[in-house]
PDB file of N, CA and C in Angstrom:
ATOM      1  N   MET A   1       3.910  62.121  -2.057  1.00  0.00           N
ATOM      2  CA  MET A   1       4.159  63.451  -1.533  1.00  0.00           C
ATOM      3  C   MET A   1       2.423  63.442  -0.896  1.00  0.00           C
ATOM      4  N   GLU A   2       3.285  64.182   0.925  1.00  0.00           N
ATOM      5  CA  GLU A   2       1.942  64.263   1.821  1.00  0.00           C
ATOM      6  C   GLU A   2       1.085  65.635   1.388  1.00  0.00           C
ATOM      7  N   PRO A   3       0.039  65.632   1.154  1.00  0.00           N
ATOM      8  CA  PRO A   3      -0.462  66.519   1.183  1.00  0.00           C
ATOM      9  C   PRO A   3      -0.270  67.805   2.093  1.00  0.00           C
ATOM     10  N   ALA A   4       0.140  69.146   2.211  1.00  0.00           N
ATOM     11  CA  ALA A   4       0.077  69.984   3.244  1.00  0.00           C
ATOM     12  C   ALA A   4      -0.215  70.614   4.291  1.00  0.00           C
ATOM     13  N   SER A   5      -0.299  70.974   5.324  1.00  0.00           N
ATOM     14  CA  SER A   5      -1.044  71.085   6.855  1.00  0.00           C
ATOM     15  C   SER A   5      -1.923  72.070   6.089  1.00  0.00           C
ATOM     16  N   THR A   6      -2.919  72.007   6.846  1.00  0.00           N
ATOM     17  CA  THR A   6      -3.936  72.822   7.089  1.00  0.00           C
ATOM     18  C   THR A   6      -4.523  73.844   8.353  1.00  0.00           C
ATOM     19  N   GLY A   7      -3.349  73.156   9.467  1.00  0.00           N
ATOM     20  CA  GLY A   7      -3.280  74.224  10.408  1.00  0.00           C
ATOM     21  C   GLY A   7      -3.718  73.418  11.767  1.00  0.00           C
ATOM     22  N   GLY A   8      -4.526  71.917  10.846  1.00  0.00           N
ATOM     23  CA  GLY A   8      -5.160  71.082  11.940  1.00  0.00           C
ATOM     24  C   GLY A   8      -4.826  70.254  11.501  1.00  0.00           C
ATOM     25  N   ASP A   9      -4.728  68.903  12.708  1.00  0.00           N
ATOM     26  CA  ASP A   9      -4.598  67.867  11.918  1.00  0.00           C
ATOM     27  C   ASP A   9      -5.776  66.887  12.789  1.00  0.00           C
ATOM     28  N   ALA A  10      -6.516  66.429  11.424  1.00  0.00           N
ATOM     29  CA  ALA A  10      -7.565  65.857  11.783  1.00  0.00           C
ATOM     30  C   ALA A  10      -8.020  65.249  12.950  1.00  0.00           C
ATOM     31  N   GLU A  11      -6.415  63.915  12.909  1.00  0.00           N
ATOM     32  CA  GLU A  11      -6.723  62.560  14.076  1.00  0.00           C
ATOM     33  C   GLU A  11      -6.265  63.466  15.217  1.00  0.00           C
ATOM     34  N   GLY A  12      -5.146  64.561  15.346  1.00  0.00           N
ATOM     35  CA  GLY A  12      -4.624  65.187  16.759  1.00  0.00           C
ATOM     36  C   GLY A  12      -4.193  63.521  17.037  1.00  0.00           C
ATOM     37  N   VAL A  13      -4.423  63.373  18.806  1.00  0.00           N
ATOM     38  CA  VAL A  13      -3.712  62.496  19.198  1.00  0.00           C
ATOM     39  C   VAL A  13      -4.529  60.809  18.905  1.00  0.00           C
ATOM     40  N   ALA A  14      -3.501  59.979  18.769  1.00  0.00           N
ATOM     41  CA  ALA A  14      -3.804  59.367  17.832  1.00  0.00           C
ATOM     42  C   ALA A  14      -4.462  58.358  19.196  1.00  0.00           C
ATOM     43  N   ARG A  15      -5.709  57.244  19.117  1.00  0.00           N
ATOM     44  CA  ARG A  15      -5.794  56.067  20.066  1.00  0.00           C
ATOM     45  C   ARG A  15      -4.590  55.411  20.995  1.00  0.00           C
ATOM     46  N   GLY A  16      -4.509  55.852  22.226  1.00  0.00           N
ATOM     47  CA  GLY A  16      -3.834  54.575  22.463  1.00  0.00           C
ATOM     48  C   GLY A  16      -2.361  55.515  22.969  1.00  0.00           C
ATOM     49  N   THR A  17      -2.258  56.922  22.476  1.00  0.00           N
ATOM     50  CA  THR A  17      -1.260  57.273  23.018  1.00  0.00           C
ATOM     51  C   THR A  17      -1.130  57.828  24.377  1.00  0.00           C
ATOM     52  N   ALA A  18       0.496  57.812  24.408  1.00  0.00           N
ATOM     53  CA  ALA A  18       0.234  58.716  26.200  1.00  0.00           C
ATOM     54  C   ALA A  18       0.203  59.941  25.671  1.00  0.00           C
ATOM     55  N   VAL A  19      -0.103  61.120  26.279  1.00  0.00           N
ATOM     56  CA  VAL A  19       0.829  62.290  26.243  1.00  0.00           C
ATOM     57  C   VAL A  19       1.002  63.330  27.391  1.00  0.00           C
ATOM     58  N   SER A  20       1.972  63.358  27.663  1.00  0.00           N
ATOM     59  CA  SER A  20       2.128  63.637  29.430  1.00  0.00           C
ATOM     60  C   SER A  20       1.659  65.326  29.142  1.00  0.00           C
ATOM     61  N   MET A  21       1.447  65.628  30.324  1.00  0.00           N
ATOM     62  CA  MET A  21       0.936  67.317  30.863  1.00  0.00           C
ATOM     63  C   MET A  21       0.824  67.207  32.055  1.00  0.00           C
ATOM     64  N   THR A  22       1.203  68.499  32.783  1.00  0.00           N
ATOM     65  CA  THR A  22       1.514  68.668  34.167  1.00  0.00           C
ATOM     66  C   THR A  22       0.412  68.988  33.947  1.00  0.00           C
ATOM     67  N   PRO A  23      -0.745  69.103  35.492  1.00  0.00           N
ATOM     68  CA  PRO A  23      -2.249  70.011  35.702  1.00  0.00           C
ATOM     69  C   PRO A  23      -2.456  71.011  35.185  1.00  0.00           C
ATOM     70  N   ARG A  24      -1.356  72.046  34.865  1.00  0.00           N
ATOM     71  CA  ARG A  24      -1.310  73.239  34.713  1.00  0.00           C
ATOM     72  C   ARG A  24      -1.302  73.368  33.246  1.00  0.00           C
ATOM     73  N   GLU A  25      -0.911  72.345  32.614  1.00  0.00           N
ATOM     74  CA  GLU A  25      -1.007  72.608  31.556  1.00  0.00           C
ATOM     75  C   GLU A  25      -2.156  72.406  30.479  1.00  0.00           C
ATOM     76  N   ARG A  26      -2.692  70.987  31.442  1.00  0.00           N
ATOM     77  CA  ARG A  26      -4.122  71.119  30.949  1.00  0.00           C
ATOM     78  C   ARG A  26      -5.266  72.095  31.200  1.00  0.00           C
ATOM     79  N   GLU A  27      -5.130  72.972  32.153  1.00  0.00           N
ATOM     80  CA  GLU A  27      -5.495  74.069  32.685  1.00  0.00           C
ATOM     81  C   GLU A  27      -5.702  74.734  32.029  1.00  0.00           C
ATOM     82  N   ILE A  28      -4.621  75.042  31.064  1.00  0.00           N
ATOM     83  CA  ILE A  28      -4.265  76.068  30.191  1.00  0.00           C
ATOM     84  C   ILE A  28      -5.057  75.848  28.681  1.00  0.00           C
ATOM     85  N   ALA A  29      -4.725  74.558  28.587  1.00  0.00           N
ATOM     86  CA  ALA A  29      -5.260  74.323  27.412  1.00  0.00           C
ATOM     87  C   ALA A  29      -6.622  73.650  27.395  1.00  0.00           C
ATOM     88  N   ASP A  30      -7.346  73.080  27.979  1.00  0.00           N
ATOM     89  CA  ASP A  30      -8.628  73.281  28.500  1.00  0.00           C
ATOM     90  C   ASP A  30      -8.982  75.000  28.287  1.00  0.00           C
ATOM     91  N   MET A  31      -8.671  76.163  28.476  1.00  0.00           N
ATOM     92  CA  MET A  31      -9.318  77.007  29.056  1.00  0.00           C
ATOM     93  C   MET A  31      -8.737  78.206  27.377  1.00  0.00           C
ATOM     94  N   ALA A  32      -7.607  78.034  26.578  1.00  0.00           N
ATOM     95  CA  ALA A  32      -7.833  78.358  25.339  1.00  0.00           C
ATOM     96  C   ALA A  32      -8.429  77.176  24.344  1.00  0.00           C
ATOM     97  N   ALA A  33      -8.971  75.521  23.869  1.00  0.00           N
ATOM     98  CA  ALA A  33     -10.145  74.939  23.606  1.00  0.00           C
ATOM     99  C   ALA A  33     -11.556  75.851  23.816  1.00  0.00           C
ATOM    100  N   ASP A  34     -11.764  76.435  25.268  1.00  0.00           N
ATOM    101  CA  ASP A  34     -13.108  77.030  25.486  1.00  0.00           C
ATOM    102  C   ASP A  34     -12.856  78.118  24.589  1.00  0.00           C
ATOM    103  N   GLY A  35     -12.218  78.263  23.918  1.00  0.00           N
ATOM    104  CA  GLY A  35     -12.170  79.894  23.382  1.00  0.00           C
ATOM    105  C   GLY A  35     -11.490  81.102  23.963  1.00  0.00           C
ATOM    106  N   MET A  36     -11.145  81.265  25.209  1.00  0.00           N
ATOM    107  CA  MET A  36     -10.265  82.473  25.930  1.00  0.00           C
ATOM    108  C   MET A  36      -9.011  82.501  25.735  1.00  0.00           C
ATOM    109  N   THR A  37      -8.589  83.690  25.246  1.00  0.00           N
ATOM    110  CA  THR A  37      -7.580  84.433  24.970  1.00  0.00           C
ATOM    111  C   THR A  37      -6.752  83.876  25.783  1.00  0.00           C
ATOM    112  N   ASN A  38      -4.717  84.153  25.537  1.00  0.00           N
ATOM    113  CA  ASN A  38      -3.808  83.933  26.421  1.00  0.00           C
ATOM    114  C   ASN A  38      -4.104  85.062  27.440  1.00  0.00           C
ATOM    115  N   GLU A  39      -4.790  86.741  27.251  1.00  0.00           N
ATOM    116  CA  GLU A  39      -4.682  87.555  28.236  1.00  0.00           C
ATOM    117  C   GLU A  39      -5.579  87.349  28.862  1.00  0.00           C
ATOM    118  N   GLU A  40      -6.906  86.358  28.825  1.00  0.00           N
ATOM    119  CA  GLU A  40      -8.251  86.341  29.591  1.00  0.00           C
ATOM    120  C   GLU A  40      -7.537  84.780  30.290  1.00  0.00           C
ATOM    121  N   ILE A  41      -6.653  84.041  29.677  1.00  0.00           N
ATOM    122  CA  ILE A  41      -6.076  82.369  30.665  1.00  0.00           C
ATOM    123  C   ILE A  41      -4.692  83.424  31.585  1.00  0.00           C
ATOM    124  N   GLY A  42      -4.018  84.265  31.359  1.00  0.00           N
ATOM    125  CA  GLY A  42      -3.256  84.860  32.155  1.00  0.00           C
ATOM    126  C   GLY A  42      -3.746  85.918  33.264  1.00  0.00           C
ATOM    127  N   ALA A  43      -4.836  85.860  33.386  1.00  0.00           N
ATOM    128  CA  ALA A  43      -5.728  87.258  34.049  1.00  0.00           C
ATOM    129  C   ALA A  43      -6.499  86.196  35.283  1.00  0.00           C
ATOM    130  N   ARG A  44      -6.710  84.964  34.385  1.00  0.00           N
ATOM    131  CA  ARG A  44      -7.544  84.408  35.390  1.00  0.00           C
ATOM    132  C   ARG A  44      -6.548  83.188  36.143  1.00  0.00           C
ATOM    133  N   THR A  45      -5.735  82.474  35.764  1.00  0.00           N
ATOM    134  CA  THR A  45      -4.100  81.717  36.410  1.00  0.00           C
ATOM    135  C   THR A  45      -3.307  82.292  36.904  1.00  0.00           C
ATOM    136  N   ARG A  46      -3.132  84.175  36.608  1.00  0.00           N
ATOM    137  CA  ARG A  46      -2.345  84.851  37.178  1.00  0.00           C
ATOM    138  C   ARG A  46      -0.758  83.976  36.188  1.00  0.00           C
ATOM    139  N   LEU A  47      -0.772  84.536  35.402  1.00  0.00           N
ATOM    140  CA  LEU A  47       0.191  84.123  34.488  1.00  0.00           C
ATOM    141  C   LEU A  47      -0.116  84.762  33.584  1.00  0.00           C
ATOM    142  N   ALA A  48       1.515  85.557  32.898  1.00  0.00           N
ATOM    143  CA  ALA A  48       1.533  86.795  32.004  1.00  0.00           C
ATOM    144  C   ALA A  48       1.620  85.837  30.933  1.00  0.00           C
ATOM    145  N   PRO A  49       0.481  86.678  30.204  1.00  0.00           N
ATOM    146  CA  PRO A  49       0.108  85.871  28.616  1.00  0.00           C
ATOM    147  C   PRO A  49       0.854  85.792  27.523  1.00  0.00           C
ATOM    148  N   ARG A  50       2.417  85.800  27.947  1.00  0.00           N
ATOM    149  CA  ARG A  50       3.432  85.491  26.648  1.00  0.00           C
ATOM    150  C   ARG A  50       3.667  84.056  27.648  1.00  0.00           C
ATOM    151  N   THR A  51       3.611  84.373  28.954  1.00  0.00           N
ATOM    152  CA  THR A  51       4.042  82.032  29.566  1.00  0.00           C
ATOM    153  C   THR A  51       2.959  81.471  29.242  1.00  0.00           C
ATOM    154  N   VAL A  52       1.339  82.066  29.243  1.00  0.00           N
ATOM    155  CA  VAL A  52      -0.009  81.319  28.466  1.00  0.00           C
ATOM    156  C   VAL A  52       0.804  80.600  27.043  1.00  0.00           C
ATOM    157  N   GLY A  53       1.023  81.742  26.170  1.00  0.00           N
ATOM    158  CA  GLY A  53       1.438  80.982  24.913  1.00  0.00           C
ATOM    159  C   GLY A  53       2.390  80.325  24.716  1.00  0.00           C
ATOM    160  N   THR A  54       3.527  80.439  26.133  1.00  0.00           N
ATOM    161  CA  THR A  54       4.734  79.470  25.164  1.00  0.00           C
ATOM    162  C   THR A  54       4.566  78.194  26.071  1.00  0.00           C
ATOM    163  N   VAL A  55       3.348  78.364  27.363  1.00  0.00           N
ATOM    164  CA  VAL A  55       2.718  76.931  27.505  1.00  0.00           C
ATOM    165  C   VAL A  55       2.026  76.192  25.977  1.00  0.00           C
ATOM    166  N   LEU A  56       1.279  76.722  25.187  1.00  0.00           N
ATOM    167  CA  LEU A  56       0.566  76.229  24.478  1.00  0.00           C
ATOM    168  C   LEU A  56       1.181  76.050  22.969  1.00  0.00           C
ATOM    169  N   TYR A  57       2.593  76.861  23.182  1.00  0.00           N
ATOM    170  CA  TYR A  57       3.467  76.779  22.168  1.00  0.00           C
ATOM    171  C   TYR A  57       3.928  75.015  21.931  1.00  0.00           C
ATOM    172  N   ARG A  58       4.119  74.451  23.474  1.00  0.00           N
ATOM    173  CA  ARG A  58       4.763  72.936  23.998  1.00  0.00           C
ATOM    174  C   ARG A  58       3.618  72.521  23.888  1.00  0.00           C
ATOM    175  N   VAL A  59       2.383  72.487  24.299  1.00  0.00           N
ATOM    176  CA  VAL A  59       1.240  71.830  24.535  1.00  0.00           C
ATOM    177  C   VAL A  59       0.732  71.133  22.692  1.00  0.00           C
ATOM    178  N   LEU A  60       0.571  72.258  21.930  1.00  0.00           N
ATOM    179  CA  LEU A  60      -0.037  72.154  21.128  1.00  0.00           C
ATOM    180  C   LEU A  60       0.631  70.548  20.508  1.00  0.00           C
ATOM    181  N   PRO A  61       2.034  70.973  20.031  1.00  0.00           N
ATOM    182  CA  PRO A  61       2.814  69.679  18.972  1.00  0.00           C
ATOM    183  C   PRO A  61       2.409  68.155  20.192  1.00  0.00           C
ATOM    184  N   ARG A  62       2.503  68.302  21.342  1.00  0.00           N
ATOM    185  CA  ARG A  62       2.062  67.387  21.590  1.00  0.00           C
ATOM    186  C   ARG A  62       0.895  66.390  21.263  1.00  0.00           C
ATOM    187  N   LEU A  63      -0.152  67.494  21.732  1.00  0.00           N
ATOM    188  CA  LEU A  63      -1.397  66.925  21.445  1.00  0.00           C
ATOM    189  C   LEU A  63      -1.246  66.501  19.663  1.00  0.00           C
ATOM    190  N   GLY A  64      -0.621  66.831  18.953  1.00  0.00           N
ATOM    191  CA  GLY A  64      -0.648  66.244  17.178  1.00  0.00           C
ATOM    192  C   GLY A  64      -1.319  67.511  16.738  1.00  0.00           C
ATOM    193  N   VAL A  65      -1.822  68.777  17.175  1.00  0.00           N
ATOM    194  CA  VAL A  65      -2.480  69.770  16.351  1.00  0.00           C
ATOM    195  C   VAL A  65      -2.240  71.258  16.085  1.00  0.00           C
ATOM    196  N   THR A  66      -1.963  72.278  15.414  1.00  0.00           N
ATOM    197  CA  THR A  66      -0.731  73.134  15.340  1.00  0.00           C
ATOM    198  C   THR A  66      -1.990  74.235  16.185  1.00  0.00           C
ATOM    199  N   THR A  67      -3.392  74.476  15.780  1.00  0.00           N
ATOM    200  CA  THR A  67      -4.231  75.342  16.232  1.00  0.00           C
ATOM    201  C   THR A  67      -5.053  74.849  17.367  1.00  0.00           C
ATOM    202  N   ARG A  68      -5.860  75.989  17.880  1.00  0.00           N
ATOM    203  CA  ARG A  68      -6.107  76.241  18.517  1.00  0.00           C
ATOM    204  C   ARG A  68      -8.039  75.706  18.717  1.00  0.00           C
ATOM    205  N   GLY A  69      -8.258  75.617  17.858  1.00  0.00           N
ATOM    206  CA  GLY A  69      -9.603  75.749  16.938  1.00  0.00           C
ATOM    207  C   GLY A  69      -9.377  73.519  17.371  1.00  0.00           C
ATOM    208  N   ALA A  70      -8.604  72.962  16.896  1.00  0.00           N
ATOM    209  CA  ALA A  70      -8.199  71.664  17.312  1.00  0.00           C
ATOM    210  C   ALA A  70      -7.567  70.547  18.612  1.00  0.00           C
ATOM    211  N   LEU A  71      -7.791  71.637  19.366  1.00  0.00           N
ATOM    212  CA  LEU A  71      -7.404  71.532  21.043  1.00  0.00           C
ATOM    213  C   LEU A  71      -8.764  70.846  21.343  1.00  0.00           C
ATOM    214  N   ARG A  72     -10.042  71.086  21.193  1.00  0.00           N
ATOM    215  CA  ARG A  72     -10.889  70.545  22.071  1.00  0.00           C
ATOM    216  C   ARG A  72     -10.743  69.040  21.886  1.00  0.00           C
ATOM    217  N   PRO A  73     -10.890  68.938  19.822  1.00  0.00           N
ATOM    218  CA  PRO A  73     -11.111  67.508  19.866  1.00  0.00           C
ATOM    219  C   PRO A  73      -9.831  66.602  20.220  1.00  0.00           C
ATOM    220  N   ALA A  74      -8.647  67.415  20.007  1.00  0.00           N
ATOM    221  CA  ALA A  74      -7.662  65.960  20.453  1.00  0.00           C
ATOM    222  C   ALA A  74      -7.279  66.484  22.090  1.00  0.00           C
ATOM    223  N   LEU A  75      -7.888  67.246  23.080  1.00  0.00           N
ATOM    224  CA  LEU A  75      -8.445  66.801  24.317  1.00  0.00           C
ATOM    225  C   LEU A  75      -9.374  65.736  24.862  1.00  0.00           C
ATOM    226  N   ASP A  76     -10.300  65.667  23.682  1.00  0.00           N
ATOM    227  CA  ASP A  76     -11.664  64.989  23.851  1.00  0.00           C
ATOM    228  C   ASP A  76     -11.635  63.339  23.575  1.00  0.00           C
ATOM    229  N   ARG A  77     -10.701  63.277  22.991  1.00  0.00           N
ATOM    230  CA  ARG A  77      -9.612  62.105  21.919  1.00  0.00           C
ATOM    231  C   ARG A  77      -8.701  61.582  23.395  1.00  0.00           C
ATOM    232  N   LEU A  78      -7.854  62.806  23.663  1.00  0.00           N
ATOM    233  CA  LEU A  78      -7.493  62.105  25.512  1.00  0.00           C
ATOM    234  C   LEU A  78      -7.824  61.162  25.977  1.00  0.00           C
ATOM    235  N   ASP A  79      -9.461  61.972  26.763  1.00  0.00           N
ATOM    236  CA  ASP A  79      -9.835  61.526  27.645  1.00  0.00           C
ATOM    237  C   ASP A  79     -10.193  60.390  27.752  1.00  0.00           C
ATOM    238  N   ALA A  80     -10.579  60.186  26.143  1.00  0.00           N
ATOM    239  CA  ALA A  80     -11.380  59.150  25.603  1.00  0.00           C
ATOM    240  C   ALA A  80     -10.527  57.876  25.510  1.00  0.00           C
ATOM    241  N   ALA A  81      -9.365  58.315  25.185  1.00  0.00           N
ATOM    242  CA  ALA A  81      -7.808  56.917  25.366  1.00  0.00           C
ATOM    243  C   ALA A  81      -7.298  56.948  26.817  1.00  0.00           C
ATOM    244  N   ALA A  82      -7.506  58.413  28.271  1.00  0.00           N
ATOM    245  CA  ALA A  82      -7.312  57.485  28.963  1.00  0.00           C
ATOM    246  C   ALA A  82      -8.245  56.940  30.213  1.00  0.00           C
ATOM    247  N   THR A  83     -10.138  56.682  29.311  1.00  0.00           N
ATOM    248  CA  THR A  83     -11.063  56.459  29.787  1.00  0.00           C
ATOM    249  C   THR A  83     -10.785  54.973  29.433  1.00  0.00           C
ATOM    250  N   PRO A  84     -11.508  53.602  30.410  1.00  0.00           N
ATOM    251  CA  PRO A  84     -11.600  52.514  29.774  1.00  0.00           C
ATOM    252  C   PRO A  84     -12.703  52.203  29.532  1.00  0.00           C
ATOM    253  N   ALA A  85     -12.892  51.434  28.690  1.00  0.00           N
ATOM    254  CA  ALA A  85     -13.934  51.114  27.788  1.00  0.00           C
ATOM    255  C   ALA A  85     -14.699  50.341  28.553  1.00  0.00           C
ATOM    256  N   ARG A  86     -16.007  50.442  28.848  1.00  0.00           N
ATOM    257  CA  ARG A  86     -16.849  49.699  29.815  1.00  0.00           C
ATOM    258  C   ARG A  86     -17.578  48.614  28.813  1.00  0.00           C
ATOM    259  N   THR A  87     -17.481  47.253  29.344  1.00  0.00           N
ATOM    260  CA  THR A  87     -18.040  46.262  28.600  1.00  0.00           C
ATOM    261  C   THR A  87     -19.467  45.923  28.516  1.00  0.00           C
ATOM    262  N   GLY A  88     -20.993  45.495  28.339  1.00  0.00           N
ATOM    263  CA  GLY A  88     -21.856  45.703  28.249  1.00  0.00           C
ATOM    264  C   GLY A  88     -22.507  44.273  28.448  1.00  0.00           C
ATOM    265  N   ARG A  89     -22.472  43.814  30.392  1.00  0.00           N
ATOM    266  CA  ARG A  89     -22.680  42.348  30.806  1.00  0.00           C
ATOM    267  C   ARG A  89     -24.006  42.386  31.219  1.00  0.00           C
TER     268      ARG A  89
END
């Protein structure tokens, strides 16, 4: 039996996992990860707060997280997975 979710997946985006997001979805996810409310994001993007909420509702599961607090680490892991590792020669 697996433990119940505590609201955010500790790992979120697995390394090497491809997550598809539009530039607008990424923009909204970044703003939410920075602590902005749906209303603040909506004012900045000229979207209704409800639309912002809908976008986040679709994006969070793709990133493997269930809370805004887990967004920044998940986005950072996504960026790290997309950046090729440098070899020190």
